[in-house]
Each structure stands twice: as structure tokens, then as C-alpha cells.
């Protein structure tokens, strides 16, 4: 069985287009779970993607601080999985209730 990483670069080369928002969200969620476990995946949610900026919504200020401290690392990991630089910046959006 082939991995998502193997399929995405081929899709982008043949299609020539950008990767859609849902794919970015899926990869971002997967990277968050790999880095912070299931608890992190429950507390950090991708909410918006535009112009190579990914907005993550944390459930608390603790998770917001963690995103801010690790945003470069998260960007690198997401781009590594995608196989190209699709996310240049990670921002923290309004915290969830």
C-alpha cells in the first residue's frame, strides 16, 4: 500500500495546481497528533488556509503558546509530508470555547 506522501507529489505535478485546503488540514492534523499525541489533536484544530498561511485554533492559552513556540517546526514537518513548501507560516486564530 502506498503512503499519502508518495501520492501527493505526483498529483501536484500532473495536475499542476495547488493542494486543496482539506488535504492541508488532514496533513496538519496528522502532524499535530504525531507531535503531541491524541490530546494535542483534540486541542489544536486547523481552521483556515489561504496564501500559504495555515491558521490553527487552540482550545486553551497553553496550546496557543505551544503552537507559537513550535510554529517553524510544525511548518517544516507539514511541508516535509507534503513534499513541497505549501505552508510558509502558521498563525494562531481565535481560541475555541
N, C-alpha and C. Protein backbone atom coordinates (compact mmCIF):
# COMPACT_ATOMS: atom_id res chain seq x y z
N UNK A 1 0.84 -1.18 0.00
CA UNK A 1 0.00 0.00 0.00
C UNK A 1 0.89 1.25 0.00
N UNK A 2 0.54 2.21 -0.83
CA UNK A 2 1.33 3.43 -0.95
C UNK A 2 0.88 4.45 0.09
N UNK A 3 1.82 5.28 0.50
CA UNK A 3 1.51 6.30 1.50
C UNK A 3 1.03 7.58 0.83
N UNK A 4 0.43 8.43 1.63
CA UNK A 4 -0.05 9.71 1.13
C UNK A 4 1.11 10.56 0.61
N UNK A 5 2.25 10.46 1.27
CA UNK A 5 3.44 11.22 0.85
C UNK A 5 3.87 10.83 -0.56
N UNK A 6 3.76 9.56 -0.91
CA UNK A 6 4.14 9.10 -2.24
C UNK A 6 3.17 9.60 -3.30
N UNK A 7 1.91 9.72 -2.96
CA UNK A 7 0.88 10.09 -3.92
C UNK A 7 0.79 11.60 -4.17
N UNK A 8 0.98 12.41 -3.13
CA UNK A 8 0.78 13.86 -3.27
C UNK A 8 1.70 14.53 -4.28
N UNK A 9 3.00 14.31 -4.27
CA UNK A 9 3.83 15.00 -5.26
C UNK A 9 3.46 14.64 -6.70
N UNK A 10 3.09 13.39 -6.95
CA UNK A 10 2.68 13.01 -8.30
C UNK A 10 1.41 13.72 -8.70
N UNK A 11 0.47 13.82 -7.78
CA UNK A 11 -0.78 14.52 -8.06
C UNK A 11 -0.51 15.98 -8.40
N UNK A 12 0.36 16.63 -7.63
CA UNK A 12 0.62 18.05 -7.86
C UNK A 12 1.37 18.30 -9.17
N UNK A 13 2.26 17.38 -9.55
CA UNK A 13 2.98 17.55 -10.81
C UNK A 13 2.05 17.35 -12.00
N UNK A 14 1.21 16.32 -11.94
CA UNK A 14 0.34 16.04 -13.08
C UNK A 14 -0.78 17.07 -13.19
N UNK A 15 -1.33 17.48 -12.01
CA UNK A 15 -2.41 18.45 -12.01
C UNK A 15 -1.90 19.86 -12.19
N UNK A 16 -0.69 20.11 -11.73
CA UNK A 16 -0.11 21.43 -11.86
C UNK A 16 -0.73 22.47 -10.94
N UNK A 17 -1.74 22.06 -10.14
CA UNK A 17 -2.43 23.01 -9.29
C UNK A 17 -1.98 22.93 -7.86
N UNK A 18 -2.62 23.75 -7.05
CA UNK A 18 -2.31 23.77 -5.64
C UNK A 18 -3.00 22.60 -4.93
N UNK A 19 -2.50 22.29 -3.78
CA UNK A 19 -3.12 21.27 -2.94
C UNK A 19 -4.29 21.94 -2.24
N UNK A 20 -5.41 21.27 -2.15
CA UNK A 20 -6.61 21.88 -1.58
C UNK A 20 -6.54 21.98 -0.05
N UNK A 21 -7.42 22.80 0.49
CA UNK A 21 -7.46 23.09 1.92
C UNK A 21 -7.69 21.83 2.76
N UNK A 22 -8.55 20.93 2.31
CA UNK A 22 -8.84 19.72 3.07
C UNK A 22 -7.59 18.85 3.23
N UNK A 23 -6.78 18.77 2.20
CA UNK A 23 -5.55 17.99 2.26
C UNK A 23 -4.58 18.62 3.26
N UNK A 24 -4.45 19.94 3.21
CA UNK A 24 -3.59 20.65 4.16
C UNK A 24 -4.07 20.39 5.58
N UNK A 25 -5.38 20.48 5.81
CA UNK A 25 -5.93 20.25 7.14
C UNK A 25 -5.64 18.83 7.62
N UNK A 26 -5.82 17.86 6.73
CA UNK A 26 -5.58 16.46 7.09
C UNK A 26 -4.12 16.24 7.49
N UNK A 27 -3.21 16.76 6.70
CA UNK A 27 -1.78 16.61 6.99
C UNK A 27 -1.42 17.35 8.27
N UNK A 28 -1.94 18.56 8.45
CA UNK A 28 -1.65 19.34 9.66
C UNK A 28 -2.14 18.59 10.90
N UNK A 29 -3.33 18.04 10.82
CA UNK A 29 -3.89 17.29 11.95
C UNK A 29 -3.02 16.08 12.26
N UNK A 30 -2.59 15.39 11.22
CA UNK A 30 -1.74 14.21 11.40
C UNK A 30 -0.40 14.58 12.05
N UNK A 31 0.19 15.68 11.62
CA UNK A 31 1.46 16.13 12.19
C UNK A 31 1.27 16.53 13.66
N UNK A 32 0.17 17.22 13.97
CA UNK A 32 -0.11 17.61 15.35
C UNK A 32 -0.25 16.37 16.23
N UNK A 33 -0.96 15.35 15.74
CA UNK A 33 -1.12 14.12 16.51
C UNK A 33 0.22 13.41 16.69
N UNK A 34 1.06 13.41 15.65
CA UNK A 34 2.39 12.80 15.77
C UNK A 34 3.25 13.54 16.80
N UNK A 35 3.16 14.85 16.83
CA UNK A 35 3.99 15.65 17.72
C UNK A 35 3.46 15.68 19.16
N UNK A 36 2.13 15.78 19.32
CA UNK A 36 1.55 16.00 20.65
C UNK A 36 0.60 14.89 21.10
N UNK A 37 0.44 13.87 20.30
CA UNK A 37 -0.44 12.78 20.68
C UNK A 37 -1.91 13.10 20.43
N UNK A 38 -2.76 12.20 20.85
CA UNK A 38 -4.21 12.35 20.63
C UNK A 38 -4.73 13.60 21.34
N UNK A 39 -4.21 13.86 22.52
CA UNK A 39 -4.64 15.04 23.27
C UNK A 39 -4.36 16.33 22.49
N UNK A 40 -3.21 16.41 21.85
CA UNK A 40 -2.89 17.57 21.02
C UNK A 40 -3.82 17.68 19.83
N UNK A 41 -4.14 16.53 19.21
CA UNK A 41 -5.06 16.51 18.08
C UNK A 41 -6.45 16.98 18.44
N UNK A 42 -6.85 16.72 19.69
CA UNK A 42 -8.16 17.17 20.15
C UNK A 42 -8.18 18.67 20.47
N UNK A 43 -7.03 19.20 20.85
CA UNK A 43 -6.95 20.58 21.32
C UNK A 43 -6.41 21.59 20.33
N UNK A 44 -5.86 21.13 19.21
CA UNK A 44 -5.36 22.03 18.17
C UNK A 44 -6.04 21.65 16.86
N UNK A 45 -6.81 22.58 16.32
CA UNK A 45 -7.62 22.29 15.14
C UNK A 45 -7.28 23.26 14.01
N UNK A 46 -6.96 22.75 12.81
CA UNK A 46 -6.77 23.64 11.66
C UNK A 46 -8.12 24.23 11.24
N UNK A 47 -8.17 25.53 11.04
CA UNK A 47 -9.45 26.17 10.72
C UNK A 47 -9.47 26.94 9.41
N UNK A 48 -8.30 27.38 8.92
CA UNK A 48 -8.31 28.21 7.73
C UNK A 48 -6.95 28.11 7.05
N UNK A 49 -6.96 28.12 5.71
CA UNK A 49 -5.71 28.11 4.95
C UNK A 49 -5.88 29.01 3.73
N UNK A 50 -4.97 29.97 3.61
CA UNK A 50 -5.01 30.86 2.45
C UNK A 50 -3.64 31.48 2.26
N UNK A 51 -3.22 31.58 1.01
CA UNK A 51 -1.96 32.21 0.64
C UNK A 51 -0.78 31.68 1.45
N UNK A 52 -0.72 30.35 1.55
CA UNK A 52 0.37 29.63 2.24
C UNK A 52 0.45 29.92 3.73
N UNK A 53 -0.66 30.41 4.31
CA UNK A 53 -0.75 30.63 5.75
C UNK A 53 -1.79 29.66 6.31
N UNK A 54 -1.40 28.93 7.33
CA UNK A 54 -2.28 27.98 7.98
C UNK A 54 -2.64 28.52 9.36
N UNK A 55 -3.94 28.60 9.64
CA UNK A 55 -4.42 29.09 10.91
C UNK A 55 -4.87 27.90 11.75
N UNK A 56 -4.31 27.81 12.96
CA UNK A 56 -4.66 26.76 13.89
C UNK A 56 -5.41 27.36 15.06
N UNK A 57 -6.46 26.69 15.51
CA UNK A 57 -7.25 27.18 16.62
C UNK A 57 -7.05 26.28 17.83
N UNK A 58 -6.43 26.80 18.88
CA UNK A 58 -6.23 26.02 20.11
C UNK A 58 -7.43 26.16 21.04
N UNK A 59 -7.58 25.19 21.93
CA UNK A 59 -8.68 25.25 22.90
C UNK A 59 -8.30 26.00 24.17
N UNK A 60 -7.02 26.26 24.37
CA UNK A 60 -6.61 26.99 25.57
C UNK A 60 -5.35 27.80 25.27
N UNK A 61 -5.03 28.69 26.20
CA UNK A 61 -3.83 29.52 26.02
C UNK A 61 -2.57 28.67 26.10
N UNK A 62 -2.61 27.57 26.83
CA UNK A 62 -1.46 26.67 26.91
C UNK A 62 -1.13 26.11 25.53
N UNK A 63 -2.14 25.65 24.81
CA UNK A 63 -1.92 25.11 23.46
C UNK A 63 -1.55 26.22 22.48
N UNK A 64 -2.09 27.41 22.68
CA UNK A 64 -1.72 28.55 21.82
C UNK A 64 -0.23 28.86 21.97
N UNK A 65 0.26 28.84 23.20
CA UNK A 65 1.68 29.09 23.44
C UNK A 65 2.54 28.01 22.79
N UNK A 66 2.10 26.78 22.88
CA UNK A 66 2.86 25.68 22.28
C UNK A 66 2.94 25.84 20.76
N UNK A 67 1.83 26.24 20.14
CA UNK A 67 1.83 26.47 18.68
C UNK A 67 2.83 27.58 18.34
N UNK A 68 2.78 28.68 19.09
CA UNK A 68 3.67 29.81 18.82
C UNK A 68 5.14 29.42 18.98
N UNK A 69 5.44 28.62 19.98
CA UNK A 69 6.82 28.20 20.20
C UNK A 69 7.32 27.24 19.12
N UNK A 70 6.44 26.41 18.60
CA UNK A 70 6.84 25.35 17.67
C UNK A 70 6.38 25.57 16.23
N UNK A 71 5.93 26.78 15.90
CA UNK A 71 5.34 27.00 14.57
C UNK A 71 6.31 26.72 13.42
N UNK A 72 7.57 27.05 13.56
CA UNK A 72 8.54 26.77 12.48
C UNK A 72 8.72 25.27 12.29
N UNK A 73 8.82 24.56 13.41
CA UNK A 73 8.97 23.11 13.35
C UNK A 73 7.74 22.46 12.72
N UNK A 74 6.56 22.91 13.13
CA UNK A 74 5.32 22.36 12.56
C UNK A 74 5.24 22.63 11.05
N UNK A 75 5.63 23.84 10.65
CA UNK A 75 5.66 24.18 9.21
C UNK A 75 6.57 23.22 8.45
N UNK A 76 7.76 23.02 8.97
CA UNK A 76 8.72 22.12 8.32
C UNK A 76 8.17 20.71 8.21
N UNK A 77 7.55 20.22 9.28
CA UNK A 77 7.02 18.85 9.29
C UNK A 77 5.87 18.71 8.29
N UNK A 78 4.99 19.69 8.22
CA UNK A 78 3.86 19.64 7.28
C UNK A 78 4.39 19.64 5.85
N UNK A 79 5.33 20.52 5.56
CA UNK A 79 5.90 20.60 4.21
C UNK A 79 6.68 19.34 3.85
N UNK A 80 7.32 18.75 4.83
CA UNK A 80 8.06 17.50 4.63
C UNK A 80 7.10 16.38 4.19
N UNK A 81 5.97 16.29 4.85
CA UNK A 81 4.97 15.27 4.50
C UNK A 81 4.38 15.56 3.12
N UNK A 82 4.13 16.83 2.82
CA UNK A 82 3.55 17.20 1.53
C UNK A 82 4.55 17.05 0.38
N UNK A 83 5.82 17.15 0.68
CA UNK A 83 6.84 17.02 -0.36
C UNK A 83 7.15 18.31 -1.09
N UNK A 84 6.62 19.41 -0.61
CA UNK A 84 6.92 20.73 -1.16
C UNK A 84 6.50 21.79 -0.16
N UNK A 85 6.96 23.02 -0.38
CA UNK A 85 6.65 24.09 0.57
C UNK A 85 5.28 24.69 0.27
N UNK A 86 4.31 24.17 0.95
CA UNK A 86 2.93 24.62 0.75
C UNK A 86 2.48 25.53 1.89
N UNK A 87 3.08 25.38 3.07
CA UNK A 87 2.75 26.21 4.23
C UNK A 87 4.00 27.00 4.61
N UNK A 88 3.92 28.32 4.50
CA UNK A 88 5.06 29.16 4.85
C UNK A 88 4.96 29.73 6.24
N UNK A 89 3.73 29.81 6.75
CA UNK A 89 3.54 30.45 8.06
C UNK A 89 2.36 29.80 8.78
N UNK A 90 2.51 29.63 10.08
CA UNK A 90 1.42 29.13 10.92
C UNK A 90 1.03 30.24 11.87
N UNK A 91 -0.25 30.52 11.94
CA UNK A 91 -0.77 31.56 12.83
C UNK A 91 -1.78 30.94 13.78
N UNK A 92 -1.95 31.58 14.91
CA UNK A 92 -2.94 31.14 15.89
C UNK A 92 -4.19 31.97 15.68
N UNK A 93 -5.30 31.30 15.46
CA UNK A 93 -6.56 32.02 15.29
C UNK A 93 -7.28 32.06 16.64
N UNK A 94 -8.43 32.62 16.66
CA UNK A 94 -9.22 32.75 17.90
C UNK A 94 -9.38 31.41 18.60
N UNK A 95 -9.21 31.40 19.89
CA UNK A 95 -9.31 30.17 20.65
C UNK A 95 -10.74 29.66 20.70
N UNK A 96 -10.87 28.33 20.66
CA UNK A 96 -12.19 27.71 20.74
C UNK A 96 -12.68 27.78 22.17
N UNK A 97 -14.02 27.84 22.31
CA UNK A 97 -14.66 27.93 23.62
C UNK A 97 -14.24 26.89 24.51
